[in-house]
Amino acid sequence: MTLVELRDRWLSEAAHVRPYNAGAAHAFETAARELDEAIAAAESELLTLEEAARESHYSADHLRHLVSEGRIPNAGKRGAPRIRRKDLPRRAGAVSTSSYDPAADALRLVSESRSA
């Protein structure tokens, strides 16, 4: 299940339980909103070329060329490029060896926001 599918499931559950328990519906809606915020935060994270290379399975040099050609927006500074995670090119069929897990990250962010 993707994170977007999970959000949609929570919104569906909210609609389903609203006639019986408005508090539970509100909890599902709040969780869905927090998940959306966590997804947006993860997608907007700025990565160095080395981090971007690990996640995209392209070399840092190739990514540097794509940034310099304007094919990927430079979210950093001239001479210190950064790439937003959502702008990363992805190799078809590449198996991720990245330690980054967006689902775990989203759940961590939701958990942290509730304990704050």
Protein backbone atom coordinates (compact mmCIF):
# COMPACT_ATOMS: atom_id res chain seq x y z
CA MET A 1 0.00 0.00 0.00
CA THR A 2 1.36 3.42 -0.93
CA LEU A 3 1.21 6.40 1.37
CA VAL A 4 -1.40 8.07 -0.83
CA GLU A 5 -3.52 4.91 -0.74
CA LEU A 6 -3.22 4.89 3.05
CA ARG A 7 -4.33 8.53 3.22
CA ASP A 8 -7.30 7.76 0.96
CA ARG A 9 -8.19 4.75 3.12
CA TRP A 10 -8.18 6.93 6.26
CA LEU A 11 -10.41 9.52 4.55
CA SER A 12 -12.79 6.75 3.46
CA GLU A 13 -12.90 5.39 7.02
CA ALA A 14 -13.65 8.90 8.29
CA ALA A 15 -16.63 9.19 5.94
CA HIS A 16 -17.82 5.73 6.94
CA VAL A 17 -17.71 6.28 10.73
CA ARG A 18 -18.84 9.95 10.80
CA PRO A 19 -22.57 9.12 11.27
CA TYR A 20 -21.72 6.96 14.27
CA ASN A 21 -18.70 8.64 15.83
CA ALA A 22 -17.67 12.16 14.81
CA GLY A 23 -14.62 11.99 17.10
CA ALA A 24 -13.26 8.91 15.35
CA ALA A 25 -13.94 10.52 11.96
CA HIS A 26 -12.04 13.62 13.05
CA ALA A 27 -9.13 11.43 14.19
CA PHE A 28 -8.95 9.72 10.78
CA GLU A 29 -9.09 13.10 9.01
CA THR A 30 -6.37 14.50 11.24
CA ALA A 31 -4.16 11.48 10.60
CA ALA A 32 -4.73 11.83 6.83
CA ARG A 33 -3.82 15.53 6.96
CA GLU A 34 -0.67 14.82 8.99
CA LEU A 35 0.31 12.10 6.52
CA ASP A 36 -0.13 14.56 3.63
CA GLU A 37 2.11 17.05 5.45
CA ALA A 38 4.74 14.38 6.09
CA ILE A 39 4.70 13.30 2.43
CA ALA A 40 5.10 16.93 1.32
CA ALA A 41 7.99 17.43 3.74
CA ALA A 42 9.76 14.29 2.51
CA GLU A 43 9.27 15.25 -1.16
CA SER A 44 10.62 18.76 -0.51
CA GLU A 45 13.75 17.57 1.29
CA LEU A 46 16.93 18.90 -0.34
CA LEU A 47 19.53 16.27 -1.19
CA THR A 48 23.19 16.65 -2.00
CA LEU A 49 24.30 15.16 -5.31
CA GLU A 50 25.73 12.15 -3.45
CA GLU A 51 22.47 11.56 -1.56
CA ALA A 52 20.49 12.04 -4.77
CA ALA A 53 22.76 9.57 -6.56
CA ARG A 54 22.11 6.89 -3.92
CA GLU A 55 18.34 7.34 -4.17
CA SER A 56 18.05 7.73 -7.93
CA HIS A 57 20.70 5.17 -8.95
CA TYR A 58 22.28 7.73 -11.28
CA SER A 59 25.83 8.89 -10.68
CA ALA A 60 26.42 12.20 -8.94
CA ASP A 61 28.28 13.37 -12.05
CA HIS A 62 25.30 12.59 -14.29
CA LEU A 63 22.96 14.40 -11.89
CA ARG A 64 25.34 17.38 -11.86
CA HIS A 65 25.08 17.53 -15.67
CA LEU A 66 21.28 17.31 -15.55
CA VAL A 67 21.20 20.19 -13.07
CA SER A 68 23.64 22.31 -15.11
CA GLU A 69 21.55 21.67 -18.27
CA GLY A 70 18.41 22.75 -16.39
CA ARG A 71 16.74 19.37 -16.83
CA ILE A 72 16.54 19.08 -13.03
CA PRO A 73 15.92 22.27 -11.02
CA ASN A 74 18.80 23.34 -8.78
CA ALA A 75 17.31 23.83 -5.33
CA GLY A 76 20.70 24.84 -3.93
CA LYS A 77 23.27 27.43 -4.91
CA ARG A 78 25.60 27.74 -7.83
CA GLY A 79 28.57 25.54 -7.02
CA ALA A 80 26.61 23.73 -4.30
CA PRO A 81 23.64 22.17 -6.09
CA ARG A 82 20.83 20.44 -4.25
CA ILE A 83 18.00 18.39 -5.68
CA ARG A 84 14.54 18.12 -4.15
CA ARG A 85 13.60 14.50 -3.59
CA LYS A 86 10.45 14.95 -5.72
CA ASP A 87 12.61 16.11 -8.68
CA LEU A 88 14.85 13.03 -8.71
CA PRO A 89 14.93 11.01 -11.90
CA ARG A 90 14.26 7.34 -11.26
CA ARG A 91 15.74 4.48 -13.21
CA ALA A 92 13.07 2.07 -14.34
CA GLY A 93 13.38 -1.27 -12.60
CA ALA A 94 16.11 -0.10 -10.21
CA VAL A 95 15.99 -1.81 -6.86
CA SER A 96 16.40 0.74 -4.13
CA THR A 97 19.38 0.23 -1.88
CA SER A 98 18.65 3.50 -0.13
CA SER A 99 18.10 3.37 3.58
CA TYR A 100 15.40 6.01 3.13
CA ASP A 101 11.92 4.61 3.67
CA PRO A 102 9.24 7.23 2.97
CA ALA A 103 6.54 5.25 4.78
CA ALA A 104 8.65 4.95 7.92
CA ASP A 105 9.61 8.62 7.68
CA ALA A 106 5.97 9.69 7.36
CA LEU A 107 4.97 7.57 10.35
CA ARG A 108 7.86 9.00 12.36
CA LEU A 109 6.81 12.55 11.52
CA VAL A 110 3.19 11.84 12.47
CA SER A 111 4.32 10.26 15.72
CA GLU A 112 6.57 13.21 16.55
CA SER A 113 3.83 15.74 15.83
CA ARG A 114 1.47 13.94 18.21
CA SER A 115 4.01 13.84 21.05
CA ALA A 116 4.89 17.53 20.68
